[in-house]
Amino acid sequence: MEIHLDDVTKVYRGGAKALGSVSLDIQSGVFRLLGPDGPARAP
């Protein structure tokens, strides 16, 4: 499986831009996307 993102933009209400024209290719294999708090968050 592969993941392909092309020209992704995220703009919040009020005009704050989180992403601008981001492109990303992830090839087959093991991968993880981690946030600032790491892989797991307590409820």
Protein backbone atom coordinates (compact mmCIF):
# COMPACT_ATOMS: atom_id res chain seq x y z
CA MET A 1 0.00 0.00 0.00
CA GLU A 2 1.17 3.52 -0.75
CA ILE A 3 -0.13 6.90 0.39
CA HIS A 4 0.03 9.88 -1.94
CA LEU A 5 -1.02 13.42 -0.99
CA ASP A 6 -0.77 16.16 -3.56
CA ASP A 7 -1.14 19.90 -2.97
CA VAL A 8 -2.97 19.63 0.38
CA THR A 9 -3.96 22.90 2.06
CA LYS A 10 -5.73 23.39 5.41
CA VAL A 11 -7.09 26.79 6.41
CA TYR A 12 -9.03 27.23 9.65
CA ARG A 13 -11.98 29.56 10.12
CA GLY A 14 -10.55 33.00 10.64
CA GLY A 15 -7.88 32.47 7.98
CA ALA A 16 -5.10 30.74 9.95
CA LYS A 17 -3.24 28.44 7.53
CA ALA A 18 -2.02 25.12 8.99
CA LEU A 19 -0.74 23.62 5.71
CA GLY A 20 0.01 25.21 2.38
CA SER A 21 0.38 23.13 -0.79
CA VAL A 22 1.94 20.13 0.95
CA SER A 23 2.76 17.02 -1.11
CA LEU A 24 3.82 13.70 0.39
CA ASP A 25 4.52 10.17 -0.88
CA ILE A 26 4.83 7.26 1.57
CA GLN A 27 5.95 3.98 0.01
CA SER A 28 5.04 0.48 1.17
CA GLY A 29 6.43 -0.57 4.53
CA VAL A 30 6.01 0.25 8.19
CA PHE A 31 5.44 3.88 9.10
CA ARG A 32 3.86 5.96 11.86
CA LEU A 33 2.77 9.54 11.98
CA LEU A 34 3.36 10.99 15.43
CA GLY A 35 1.96 14.14 16.94
CA PRO A 36 3.72 16.38 19.47
CA ASP A 37 2.61 14.12 22.37
CA GLY A 38 3.92 10.91 20.84
CA PRO A 39 2.10 7.83 19.55
CA ALA A 40 -0.53 7.47 22.27
CA ARG A 41 -2.67 9.81 24.31
CA ALA A 42 -4.51 9.05 27.52
CA PRO A 43 -8.27 9.75 27.50
